[in-house]
Amino acid sequence: MTKRGLTHPDHLRLGQILQGLQVELQRAEITLENAYPRSGPGAFPAAKLGEAGAALLAARRELENFVYAEHGDAATTEDYFPDEEHQAKLDVPMKLGRVVRGRCPSGGRARGA
């Protein structure tokens, strides 16, 4: 059975999400490089984020080939490499909460606790 691939709007949305992830991976990598040594065991997390970023970029490039092959008349380079205005943004609260055993994040009691 041949799979049909993604619709062009699906490619557009995926491109926005992947671009946003790429930006956040790069920010996290830089944060770690500025906080920990750039060599030795302390460099491992940043290096792994760098590898993840490279893998993500390779996937985006290949997906760009797919969108051109599947939707050549509508495809553009911005599908998988959108400008900042069109990339997905990761929304993380400034103060990260934590879950305490037996309590819901909203402050109520968890079921069964």
PDB file of N, CA and C in Angstrom:
ATOM      1  N   MET A   1       0.836  -1.186   0.000  1.00  0.00           N
ATOM      2  CA  MET A   1       0.000   0.000   0.000  1.00  0.00           C
ATOM      3  C   MET A   1       0.882   1.252   0.000  1.00  0.00           C
ATOM      4  N   THR A   2       0.600   2.159  -0.897  1.00  0.00           N
ATOM      5  CA  THR A   2       1.338   3.413  -0.979  1.00  0.00           C
ATOM      6  C   THR A   2       0.694   4.443  -0.068  1.00  0.00           C
ATOM      7  N   LYS A   3       1.528   5.071   0.730  1.00  0.00           N
ATOM      8  CA  LYS A   3       1.014   6.132   1.601  1.00  0.00           C
ATOM      9  C   LYS A   3       0.946   7.424   0.804  1.00  0.00           C
ATOM     10  N   ARG A   4      -0.008   8.280   1.153  1.00  0.00           N
ATOM     11  CA  ARG A   4      -0.280   9.477   0.358  1.00  0.00           C
ATOM     12  C   ARG A   4       0.607  10.668   0.713  1.00  0.00           C
ATOM     13  N   GLY A   5       1.318  10.645   1.820  1.00  0.00           N
ATOM     14  CA  GLY A   5       2.131  11.786   2.237  1.00  0.00           C
ATOM     15  C   GLY A   5       1.290  12.826   2.947  1.00  0.00           C
ATOM     16  N   LEU A   6       1.852  13.985   3.155  1.00  0.00           N
ATOM     17  CA  LEU A   6       1.167  15.068   3.853  1.00  0.00           C
ATOM     18  C   LEU A   6       0.517  16.027   2.868  1.00  0.00           C
ATOM     19  N   THR A   7      -0.547  16.669   3.315  1.00  0.00           N
ATOM     20  CA  THR A   7      -1.120  17.752   2.525  1.00  0.00           C
ATOM     21  C   THR A   7      -0.181  18.945   2.627  1.00  0.00           C
ATOM     22  N   HIS A   8      -0.340  19.890   1.733  1.00  0.00           N
ATOM     23  CA  HIS A   8       0.509  21.074   1.805  1.00  0.00           C
ATOM     24  C   HIS A   8       0.309  21.839   3.119  1.00  0.00           C
ATOM     25  N   PRO A   9      -0.922  22.062   3.595  1.00  0.00           N
ATOM     26  CA  PRO A   9      -1.082  22.713   4.907  1.00  0.00           C
ATOM     27  C   PRO A   9      -0.418  21.935   6.044  1.00  0.00           C
ATOM     28  N   ASP A  10      -0.433  20.601   5.964  1.00  0.00           N
ATOM     29  CA  ASP A  10       0.252  19.802   6.985  1.00  0.00           C
ATOM     30  C   ASP A  10       1.757  20.036   6.936  1.00  0.00           C
ATOM     31  N   HIS A  11       2.318  20.114   5.730  1.00  0.00           N
ATOM     32  CA  HIS A  11       3.745  20.425   5.589  1.00  0.00           C
ATOM     33  C   HIS A  11       4.050  21.808   6.173  1.00  0.00           C
ATOM     34  N   LEU A  12       3.196  22.779   5.868  1.00  0.00           N
ATOM     35  CA  LEU A  12       3.418  24.134   6.387  1.00  0.00           C
ATOM     36  C   LEU A  12       3.461  24.152   7.905  1.00  0.00           C
ATOM     37  N   ARG A  13       2.491  23.504   8.535  1.00  0.00           N
ATOM     38  CA  ARG A  13       2.419  23.487   9.994  1.00  0.00           C
ATOM     39  C   ARG A  13       3.604  22.743  10.592  1.00  0.00           C
ATOM     40  N   LEU A  14       3.967  21.609  10.004  1.00  0.00           N
ATOM     41  CA  LEU A  14       5.115  20.859  10.490  1.00  0.00           C
ATOM     42  C   LEU A  14       6.392  21.691  10.367  1.00  0.00           C
ATOM     43  N   GLY A  15       6.523  22.400   9.264  1.00  0.00           N
ATOM     44  CA  GLY A  15       7.682  23.275   9.082  1.00  0.00           C
ATOM     45  C   GLY A  15       7.761  24.350  10.155  1.00  0.00           C
ATOM     46  N   GLN A  16       6.625  24.928  10.512  1.00  0.00           N
ATOM     47  CA  GLN A  16       6.598  25.943  11.574  1.00  0.00           C
ATOM     48  C   GLN A  16       7.034  25.347  12.903  1.00  0.00           C
ATOM     49  N   ILE A  17       6.527  24.165  13.209  1.00  0.00           N
ATOM     50  CA  ILE A  17       6.863  23.507  14.471  1.00  0.00           C
ATOM     51  C   ILE A  17       8.347  23.151  14.513  1.00  0.00           C
ATOM     52  N   LEU A  18       8.851  22.548  13.440  1.00  0.00           N
ATOM     53  CA  LEU A  18      10.244  22.128  13.421  1.00  0.00           C
ATOM     54  C   LEU A  18      11.201  23.315  13.471  1.00  0.00           C
ATOM     55  N   GLN A  19      10.851  24.420  12.824  1.00  0.00           N
ATOM     56  CA  GLN A  19      11.683  25.624  12.900  1.00  0.00           C
ATOM     57  C   GLN A  19      11.722  26.138  14.336  1.00  0.00           C
ATOM     58  N   GLY A  20      10.574  26.164  15.000  1.00  0.00           N
ATOM     59  CA  GLY A  20      10.542  26.609  16.395  1.00  0.00           C
ATOM     60  C   GLY A  20      11.376  25.715  17.293  1.00  0.00           C
ATOM     61  N   LEU A  21      11.299  24.400  17.068  1.00  0.00           N
ATOM     62  CA  LEU A  21      12.123  23.470  17.844  1.00  0.00           C
ATOM     63  C   LEU A  21      13.606  23.706  17.586  1.00  0.00           C
ATOM     64  N   GLN A  22      13.957  23.965  16.346  1.00  0.00           N
ATOM     65  CA  GLN A  22      15.354  24.211  15.985  1.00  0.00           C
ATOM     66  C   GLN A  22      15.887  25.418  16.759  1.00  0.00           C
ATOM     67  N   VAL A  23      15.118  26.478  16.785  1.00  0.00           N
ATOM     68  CA  VAL A  23      15.531  27.693  17.501  1.00  0.00           C
ATOM     69  C   VAL A  23      15.708  27.401  18.986  1.00  0.00           C
ATOM     70  N   GLU A  24      14.769  26.681  19.583  1.00  0.00           N
ATOM     71  CA  GLU A  24      14.848  26.384  21.017  1.00  0.00           C
ATOM     72  C   GLU A  24      16.017  25.455  21.334  1.00  0.00           C
ATOM     73  N   LEU A  25      16.301  24.490  20.466  1.00  0.00           N
ATOM     74  CA  LEU A  25      17.460  23.628  20.670  1.00  0.00           C
ATOM     75  C   LEU A  25      18.750  24.445  20.642  1.00  0.00           C
ATOM     76  N   GLN A  26      18.842  25.381  19.702  1.00  0.00           N
ATOM     77  CA  GLN A  26      20.034  26.220  19.609  1.00  0.00           C
ATOM     78  C   GLN A  26      20.183  27.088  20.856  1.00  0.00           C
ATOM     79  N   ARG A  27      19.091  27.647  21.335  1.00  0.00           N
ATOM     80  CA  ARG A  27      19.144  28.467  22.558  1.00  0.00           C
ATOM     81  C   ARG A  27      19.594  27.636  23.750  1.00  0.00           C
ATOM     82  N   ALA A  28      19.038  26.425  23.872  1.00  0.00           N
ATOM     83  CA  ALA A  28      19.413  25.558  24.989  1.00  0.00           C
ATOM     84  C   ALA A  28      20.886  25.165  24.904  1.00  0.00           C
ATOM     85  N   GLU A  29      21.356  24.870  23.715  1.00  0.00           N
ATOM     86  CA  GLU A  29      22.759  24.512  23.524  1.00  0.00           C
ATOM     87  C   GLU A  29      23.669  25.668  23.943  1.00  0.00           C
ATOM     88  N   ILE A  30      23.338  26.873  23.531  1.00  0.00           N
ATOM     89  CA  ILE A  30      24.134  28.049  23.890  1.00  0.00           C
ATOM     90  C   ILE A  30      24.099  28.288  25.398  1.00  0.00           C
ATOM     91  N   THR A  31      22.936  28.118  25.993  1.00  0.00           N
ATOM     92  CA  THR A  31      22.812  28.283  27.445  1.00  0.00           C
ATOM     93  C   THR A  31      23.744  27.318  28.172  1.00  0.00           C
ATOM     94  N   LEU A  32      23.752  26.057  27.734  1.00  0.00           N
ATOM     95  CA  LEU A  32      24.611  25.065  28.363  1.00  0.00           C
ATOM     96  C   LEU A  32      26.087  25.356  28.110  1.00  0.00           C
ATOM     97  N   GLU A  33      26.424  25.792  26.906  1.00  0.00           N
ATOM     98  CA  GLU A  33      27.822  26.123  26.608  1.00  0.00           C
ATOM     99  C   GLU A  33      28.315  27.283  27.458  1.00  0.00           C
ATOM    100  N   ASN A  34      27.425  28.195  27.785  1.00  0.00           N
ATOM    101  CA  ASN A  34      27.800  29.331  28.625  1.00  0.00           C
ATOM    102  C   ASN A  34      27.838  28.977  30.108  1.00  0.00           C
ATOM    103  N   ALA A  35      27.173  27.899  30.493  1.00  0.00           N
ATOM    104  CA  ALA A  35      27.087  27.533  31.902  1.00  0.00           C
ATOM    105  C   ALA A  35      28.064  26.435  32.315  1.00  0.00           C
ATOM    106  N   TYR A  36      28.498  25.610  31.368  1.00  0.00           N
ATOM    107  CA  TYR A  36      29.334  24.457  31.681  1.00  0.00           C
ATOM    108  C   TYR A  36      30.556  24.446  30.770  1.00  0.00           C
ATOM    109  N   PRO A  37      31.590  23.668  31.155  1.00  0.00           N
ATOM    110  CA  PRO A  37      32.792  23.589  30.306  1.00  0.00           C
ATOM    111  C   PRO A  37      32.444  23.111  28.899  1.00  0.00           C
ATOM    112  N   ARG A  38      33.242  23.539  27.948  1.00  0.00           N
ATOM    113  CA  ARG A  38      33.019  23.132  26.551  1.00  0.00           C
ATOM    114  C   ARG A  38      33.796  21.875  26.185  1.00  0.00           C
ATOM    115  N   SER A  39      34.466  21.302  27.172  1.00  0.00           N
ATOM    116  CA  SER A  39      35.154  20.027  26.954  1.00  0.00           C
ATOM    117  C   SER A  39      34.999  19.187  28.212  1.00  0.00           C
ATOM    118  N   GLY A  40      35.214  17.890  28.051  1.00  0.00           N
ATOM    119  CA  GLY A  40      35.072  16.979  29.172  1.00  0.00           C
ATOM    120  C   GLY A  40      33.620  16.611  29.412  1.00  0.00           C
ATOM    121  N   PRO A  41      33.348  15.958  30.543  1.00  0.00           N
ATOM    122  CA  PRO A  41      31.984  15.486  30.836  1.00  0.00           C
ATOM    123  C   PRO A  41      30.940  16.603  30.884  1.00  0.00           C
ATOM    124  N   GLY A  42      31.351  17.789  31.297  1.00  0.00           N
ATOM    125  CA  GLY A  42      30.403  18.899  31.376  1.00  0.00           C
ATOM    126  C   GLY A  42      29.899  19.373  30.028  1.00  0.00           C
ATOM    127  N   ALA A  43      30.604  19.011  28.966  1.00  0.00           N
ATOM    128  CA  ALA A  43      30.216  19.439  27.622  1.00  0.00           C
ATOM    129  C   ALA A  43      29.240  18.469  26.961  1.00  0.00           C
ATOM    130  N   PHE A  44      29.046  17.299  27.561  1.00  0.00           N
ATOM    131  CA  PHE A  44      28.217  16.261  26.945  1.00  0.00           C
ATOM    132  C   PHE A  44      26.792  16.719  26.629  1.00  0.00           C
ATOM    133  N   PRO A  45      26.060  17.331  27.575  1.00  0.00           N
ATOM    134  CA  PRO A  45      24.675  17.727  27.250  1.00  0.00           C
ATOM    135  C   PRO A  45      24.584  18.715  26.085  1.00  0.00           C
ATOM    136  N   ALA A  46      25.445  19.712  26.071  1.00  0.00           N
ATOM    137  CA  ALA A  46      25.407  20.688  24.976  1.00  0.00           C
ATOM    138  C   ALA A  46      25.748  20.015  23.648  1.00  0.00           C
ATOM    139  N   ALA A  47      26.711  19.113  23.681  1.00  0.00           N
ATOM    140  CA  ALA A  47      27.090  18.407  22.454  1.00  0.00           C
ATOM    141  C   ALA A  47      25.929  17.571  21.927  1.00  0.00           C
ATOM    142  N   LYS A  48      25.204  16.929  22.831  1.00  0.00           N
ATOM    143  CA  LYS A  48      24.060  16.118  22.409  1.00  0.00           C
ATOM    144  C   LYS A  48      22.947  16.999  21.828  1.00  0.00           C
ATOM    145  N   LEU A  49      22.741  18.177  22.395  1.00  0.00           N
ATOM    146  CA  LEU A  49      21.759  19.099  21.821  1.00  0.00           C
ATOM    147  C   LEU A  49      22.216  19.555  20.440  1.00  0.00           C
ATOM    148  N   GLY A  50      23.519  19.757  20.268  1.00  0.00           N
ATOM    149  CA  GLY A  50      24.051  20.103  18.953  1.00  0.00           C
ATOM    150  C   GLY A  50      23.795  19.013  17.939  1.00  0.00           C
ATOM    151  N   GLU A  51      23.983  17.757  18.351  1.00  0.00           N
ATOM    152  CA  GLU A  51      23.703  16.623  17.470  1.00  0.00           C
ATOM    153  C   GLU A  51      22.212  16.547  17.136  1.00  0.00           C
ATOM    154  N   ALA A  52      21.371  16.790  18.132  1.00  0.00           N
ATOM    155  CA  ALA A  52      19.922  16.778  17.897  1.00  0.00           C
ATOM    156  C   ALA A  52      19.535  17.873  16.907  1.00  0.00           C
ATOM    157  N   GLY A  53      20.141  19.037  17.055  1.00  0.00           N
ATOM    158  CA  GLY A  53      19.874  20.139  16.134  1.00  0.00           C
ATOM    159  C   GLY A  53      20.299  19.797  14.711  1.00  0.00           C
ATOM    160  N   ALA A  54      21.442  19.142  14.576  1.00  0.00           N
ATOM    161  CA  ALA A  54      21.913  18.741  13.243  1.00  0.00           C
ATOM    162  C   ALA A  54      20.980  17.712  12.621  1.00  0.00           C
ATOM    163  N   ALA A  55      20.511  16.765  13.435  1.00  0.00           N
ATOM    164  CA  ALA A  55      19.574  15.757  12.931  1.00  0.00           C
ATOM    165  C   ALA A  55      18.250  16.404  12.528  1.00  0.00           C
ATOM    166  N   LEU A  56      17.787  17.353  13.320  1.00  0.00           N
ATOM    167  CA  LEU A  56      16.546  18.057  13.005  1.00  0.00           C
ATOM    168  C   LEU A  56      16.694  18.843  11.706  1.00  0.00           C
ATOM    169  N   LEU A  57      17.811  19.509  11.523  1.00  0.00           N
ATOM    170  CA  LEU A  57      18.054  20.254  10.292  1.00  0.00           C
ATOM    171  C   LEU A  57      18.075  19.326   9.083  1.00  0.00           C
ATOM    172  N   ALA A  58      18.704  18.159   9.225  1.00  0.00           N
ATOM    173  CA  ALA A  58      18.738  17.190   8.123  1.00  0.00           C
ATOM    174  C   ALA A  58      17.326  16.716   7.776  1.00  0.00           C
ATOM    175  N   ALA A  59      16.510  16.470   8.794  1.00  0.00           N
ATOM    176  CA  ALA A  59      15.123  16.046   8.545  1.00  0.00           C
ATOM    177  C   ALA A  59      14.344  17.145   7.839  1.00  0.00           C
ATOM    178  N   ARG A  60      14.535  18.401   8.252  1.00  0.00           N
ATOM    179  CA  ARG A  60      13.831  19.516   7.608  1.00  0.00           C
ATOM    180  C   ARG A  60      14.229  19.644   6.142  1.00  0.00           C
ATOM    181  N   ARG A  61      15.496  19.450   5.853  1.00  0.00           N
ATOM    182  CA  ARG A  61      15.952  19.530   4.455  1.00  0.00           C
ATOM    183  C   ARG A  61      15.318  18.428   3.613  1.00  0.00           C
ATOM    184  N   GLU A  62      15.241  17.224   4.169  1.00  0.00           N
ATOM    185  CA  GLU A  62      14.634  16.120   3.429  1.00  0.00           C
ATOM    186  C   GLU A  62      13.136  16.346   3.257  1.00  0.00           C
ATOM    187  N   LEU A  63      12.479  16.853   4.289  1.00  0.00           N
ATOM    188  CA  LEU A  63      11.051  17.162   4.180  1.00  0.00           C
ATOM    189  C   LEU A  63      10.798  18.255   3.151  1.00  0.00           C
ATOM    190  N   GLU A  64      11.731  19.179   3.022  1.00  0.00           N
ATOM    191  CA  GLU A  64      11.602  20.204   1.982  1.00  0.00           C
ATOM    192  C   GLU A  64      11.600  19.550   0.602  1.00  0.00           C
ATOM    193  N   ASN A  65      12.434  18.528   0.417  1.00  0.00           N
ATOM    194  CA  ASN A  65      12.425  17.787  -0.850  1.00  0.00           C
ATOM    195  C   ASN A  65      11.072  17.113  -1.065  1.00  0.00           C
ATOM    196  N   PHE A  66      10.508  16.543   0.013  1.00  0.00           N
ATOM    197  CA  PHE A  66       9.201  15.887  -0.086  1.00  0.00           C
ATOM    198  C   PHE A  66       8.119  16.868  -0.508  1.00  0.00           C
ATOM    199  N   VAL A  67       8.102  18.052   0.131  1.00  0.00           N
ATOM    200  CA  VAL A  67       7.021  19.000  -0.169  1.00  0.00           C
ATOM    201  C   VAL A  67       7.118  19.469  -1.623  1.00  0.00           C
ATOM    202  N   TYR A  68       8.320  19.633  -2.135  1.00  0.00           N
ATOM    203  CA  TYR A  68       8.458  20.024  -3.544  1.00  0.00           C
ATOM    204  C   TYR A  68       8.011  18.883  -4.470  1.00  0.00           C
ATOM    205  N   ALA A  69       8.329  17.643  -4.102  1.00  0.00           N
ATOM    206  CA  ALA A  69       7.933  16.508  -4.930  1.00  0.00           C
ATOM    207  C   ALA A  69       6.417  16.302  -4.894  1.00  0.00           C
ATOM    208  N   GLU A  70       5.798  16.537  -3.748  1.00  0.00           N
ATOM    209  CA  GLU A  70       4.367  16.289  -3.584  1.00  0.00           C
ATOM    210  C   GLU A  70       3.491  17.474  -3.984  1.00  0.00           C
ATOM    211  N   HIS A  71       3.986  18.678  -3.789  1.00  0.00           N
ATOM    212  CA  HIS A  71       3.175  19.885  -4.004  1.00  0.00           C
ATOM    213  C   HIS A  71       4.007  20.963  -4.701  1.00  0.00           C
ATOM    214  N   GLY A  72       4.669  20.591  -5.772  1.00  0.00           N
ATOM    215  CA  GLY A  72       5.588  21.495  -6.460  1.00  0.00           C
ATOM    216  C   GLY A  72       5.000  22.839  -6.825  1.00  0.00           C
ATOM    217  N   ASP A  73       3.731  22.862  -7.202  1.00  0.00           N
ATOM    218  CA  ASP A  73       3.105  24.121  -7.615  1.00  0.00           C
ATOM    219  C   ASP A  73       2.886  25.068  -6.441  1.00  0.00           C
ATOM    220  N   ALA A  74       2.728  24.536  -5.229  1.00  0.00           N
ATOM    221  CA  ALA A  74       2.453  25.372  -4.053  1.00  0.00           C
ATOM    222  C   ALA A  74       3.651  25.503  -3.119  1.00  0.00           C
ATOM    223  N   ALA A  75       4.641  24.631  -3.248  1.00  0.00           N
ATOM    224  CA  ALA A  75       5.765  24.588  -2.314  1.00  0.00           C
ATOM    225  C   ALA A  75       6.683  25.796  -2.473  1.00  0.00           C
ATOM    226  N   THR A  76       7.231  26.230  -1.334  1.00  0.00           N
ATOM    227  CA  THR A  76       8.257  27.283  -1.319  1.00  0.00           C
ATOM    228  C   THR A  76       9.306  26.910  -0.278  1.00  0.00           C
ATOM    229  N   THR A  77      10.436  27.579  -0.312  1.00  0.00           N
ATOM    230  CA  THR A  77      11.479  27.314   0.682  1.00  0.00           C
ATOM    231  C   THR A  77      11.020  27.685   2.090  1.00  0.00           C
ATOM    232  N   GLU A  78      10.035  28.556   2.186  1.00  0.00           N
ATOM    233  CA  GLU A  78       9.529  28.960   3.499  1.00  0.00           C
ATOM    234  C   GLU A  78       8.681  27.872   4.159  1.00  0.00           C
ATOM    235  N   ASP A  79       8.328  26.825   3.435  1.00  0.00           N
ATOM    236  CA  ASP A  79       7.524  25.755   4.028  1.00  0.00           C
ATOM    237  C   ASP A  79       8.240  25.129   5.223  1.00  0.00           C
ATOM    238  N   TYR A  80       9.519  24.814   5.065  1.00  0.00           N
ATOM    239  CA  TYR A  80      10.288  24.211   6.158  1.00  0.00           C
ATOM    240  C   TYR A  80      11.329  25.149   6.746  1.00  0.00           C
ATOM    241  N   PHE A  81      11.460  26.328   6.189  1.00  0.00           N
ATOM    242  CA  PHE A  81      12.392  27.320   6.714  1.00  0.00           C
ATOM    243  C   PHE A  81      11.682  28.674   6.792  1.00  0.00           C
ATOM    244  N   PRO A  82      10.613  28.731   7.629  1.00  0.00           N
ATOM    245  CA  PRO A  82       9.831  29.966   7.711  1.00  0.00           C
ATOM    246  C   PRO A  82      10.585  31.069   8.446  1.00  0.00           C
ATOM    247  N   ASP A  83      10.181  32.303   8.165  1.00  0.00           N
ATOM    248  CA  ASP A  83      10.785  33.411   8.895  1.00  0.00           C
ATOM    249  C   ASP A  83      10.291  33.386  10.340  1.00  0.00           C
ATOM    250  N   GLU A  84      10.901  34.211  11.167  1.00  0.00           N
ATOM    251  CA  GLU A  84      10.613  34.207  12.604  1.00  0.00           C
ATOM    252  C   GLU A  84       9.136  34.429  12.911  1.00  0.00           C
ATOM    253  N   GLU A  85       8.496  35.261  12.114  1.00  0.00           N
ATOM    254  CA  GLU A  85       7.080  35.573  12.321  1.00  0.00           C
ATOM    255  C   GLU A  85       6.187  34.342  12.183  1.00  0.00           C
ATOM    256  N   HIS A  86       6.603  33.381  11.380  1.00  0.00           N
ATOM    257  CA  HIS A  86       5.762  32.222  11.095  1.00  0.00           C
ATOM    258  C   HIS A  86       6.198  30.937  11.787  1.00  0.00           C
ATOM    259  N   GLN A  87       7.268  30.976  12.583  1.00  0.00           N
ATOM    260  CA  GLN A  87       7.686  29.760  13.278  1.00  0.00           C
ATOM    261  C   GLN A  87       6.892  29.591  14.568  1.00  0.00           C
ATOM    262  N   ALA A  88       6.699  28.362  14.987  1.00  0.00           N
ATOM    263  CA  ALA A  88       5.992  28.074  16.233  1.00  0.00           C
ATOM    264  C   ALA A  88       6.848  28.537  17.405  1.00  0.00           C
ATOM    265  N   LYS A  89       6.210  29.006  18.440  1.00  0.00           N
ATOM    266  CA  LYS A  89       6.900  29.470  19.646  1.00  0.00           C
ATOM    267  C   LYS A  89       6.608  28.506  20.786  1.00  0.00           C
ATOM    268  N   LEU A  90       7.637  28.185  21.534  1.00  0.00           N
ATOM    269  CA  LEU A  90       7.484  27.348  22.705  1.00  0.00           C
ATOM    270  C   LEU A  90       7.125  28.255  23.877  1.00  0.00           C
ATOM    271  N   ASP A  91       6.031  27.951  24.545  1.00  0.00           N
ATOM    272  CA  ASP A  91       5.567  28.778  25.654  1.00  0.00           C
ATOM    273  C   ASP A  91       5.832  28.045  26.965  1.00  0.00           C
ATOM    274  N   VAL A  92       6.846  28.510  27.692  1.00  0.00           N
ATOM    275  CA  VAL A  92       7.200  27.921  28.979  1.00  0.00           C
ATOM    276  C   VAL A  92       6.960  28.969  30.050  1.00  0.00           C
ATOM    277  N   PRO A  93       6.220  28.612  31.113  1.00  0.00           N
ATOM    278  CA  PRO A  93       5.987  29.593  32.176  1.00  0.00           C
ATOM    279  C   PRO A  93       7.310  30.038  32.800  1.00  0.00           C
ATOM    280  N   MET A  94       7.379  31.287  33.210  1.00  0.00           N
ATOM    281  CA  MET A  94       8.600  31.819  33.820  1.00  0.00           C
ATOM    282  C   MET A  94       8.951  31.062  35.098  1.00  0.00           C
ATOM    283  N   LYS A  95       7.958  30.757  35.909  1.00  0.00           N
ATOM    284  CA  LYS A  95       8.191  30.008  37.135  1.00  0.00           C
ATOM    285  C   LYS A  95       7.637  28.607  36.922  1.00  0.00           C
ATOM    286  N   LEU A  96       8.536  27.657  36.794  1.00  0.00           N
ATOM    287  CA  LEU A  96       8.107  26.291  36.571  1.00  0.00           C
ATOM    288  C   LEU A  96       7.554  25.718  37.862  1.00  0.00           C
ATOM    289  N   GLY A  97       6.392  25.096  37.740  1.00  0.00           N
ATOM    290  CA  GLY A  97       5.787  24.469  38.907  1.00  0.00           C
ATOM    291  C   GLY A  97       6.321  23.075  39.101  1.00  0.00           C
ATOM    292  N   ARG A  98       6.004  22.499  40.228  1.00  0.00           N
ATOM    293  CA  ARG A  98       6.372  21.118  40.466  1.00  0.00           C
ATOM    294  C   ARG A  98       5.177  20.417  41.072  1.00  0.00           C
ATOM    295  N   VAL A  99       5.079  19.155  40.816  1.00  0.00           N
ATOM    296  CA  VAL A  99       3.967  18.383  41.330  1.00  0.00           C
ATOM    297  C   VAL A  99       4.408  17.744  42.637  1.00  0.00           C
ATOM    298  N   VAL A 100       3.641  17.984  43.686  1.00  0.00           N
ATOM    299  CA  VAL A 100       3.902  17.391  44.986  1.00  0.00           C
ATOM    300  C   VAL A 100       3.004  16.172  45.111  1.00  0.00           C
ATOM    301  N   ARG A 101       3.558  15.069  45.546  1.00  0.00           N
ATOM    302  CA  ARG A 101       2.787  13.827  45.638  1.00  0.00           C
ATOM    303  C   ARG A 101       1.499  14.059  46.420  1.00  0.00           C
ATOM    304  N   GLY A 102       0.397  13.626  45.812  1.00  0.00           N
ATOM    305  CA  GLY A 102      -0.902  13.746  46.456  1.00  0.00           C
ATOM    306  C   GLY A 102      -1.591  15.070  46.214  1.00  0.00           C
ATOM    307  N   ARG A 103      -0.972  15.966  45.462  1.00  0.00           N
ATOM    308  CA  ARG A 103      -1.576  17.268  45.196  1.00  0.00           C
ATOM    309  C   ARG A 103      -1.611  17.508  43.689  1.00  0.00           C
ATOM    310  N   CYS A 104      -2.672  18.116  43.243  1.00  0.00           N
ATOM    311  CA  CYS A 104      -2.788  18.489  41.836  1.00  0.00           C
ATOM    312  C   CYS A 104      -2.030  19.796  41.625  1.00  0.00           C
ATOM    313  N   PRO A 105      -1.548  20.071  40.409  1.00  0.00           N
ATOM    314  CA  PRO A 105      -0.875  21.333  40.142  1.00  0.00           C
ATOM    315  C   PRO A 105      -1.738  22.548  40.499  1.00  0.00           C
ATOM    316  N   SER A 106      -3.065  22.383  40.451  1.00  0.00           N
ATOM    317  CA  SER A 106      -3.957  23.517  40.759  1.00  0.00           C
ATOM    318  C   SER A 106      -4.088  23.739  42.260  1.00  0.00           C
ATOM    319  N   GLY A 107      -3.501  22.865  43.077  1.00  0.00           N
ATOM    320  CA  GLY A 107      -3.583  23.034  44.522  1.00  0.00           C
ATOM    321  C   GLY A 107      -4.581  22.101  45.180  1.00  0.00           C
ATOM    322  N   GLY A 108      -5.445  21.450  44.394  1.00  0.00           N
ATOM    323  CA  GLY A 108      -6.417  20.516  44.952  1.00  0.00           C
ATOM    324  C   GLY A 108      -5.782  19.177  45.241  1.00  0.00           C
ATOM    325  N   ARG A 109      -6.559  18.284  45.798  1.00  0.00           N
ATOM    326  CA  ARG A 109      -6.056  16.949  46.102  1.00  0.00           C
ATOM    327  C   ARG A 109      -6.168  16.059  44.868  1.00  0.00           C
ATOM    328  N   ALA A 110      -5.162  15.249  44.635  1.00  0.00           N
ATOM    329  CA  ALA A 110      -5.202  14.284  43.544  1.00  0.00           C
ATOM    330  C   ALA A 110      -6.128  13.135  43.906  1.00  0.00           C
ATOM    331  N   ARG A 111      -6.784  12.574  42.931  1.00  0.00           N
ATOM    332  CA  ARG A 111      -7.667  11.422  43.185  1.00  0.00           C
ATOM    333  C   ARG A 111      -6.844  10.255  43.723  1.00  0.00           C
ATOM    334  N   GLY A 112      -7.396   9.624  44.723  1.00  0.00           N
ATOM    335  CA  GLY A 112      -6.725   8.461  45.297  1.00  0.00           C
ATOM    336  C   GLY A 112      -5.625   8.810  46.268  1.00  0.00           C
ATOM    337  N   ALA A 113      -5.427  10.097  46.530  1.00  0.00           N
ATOM    338  CA  ALA A 113      -4.349  10.486  47.440  1.00  0.00           C
ATOM    339  C   ALA A 113      -4.894  10.758  48.824  1.00  0.00           C
TER     340      ALA A 113
END
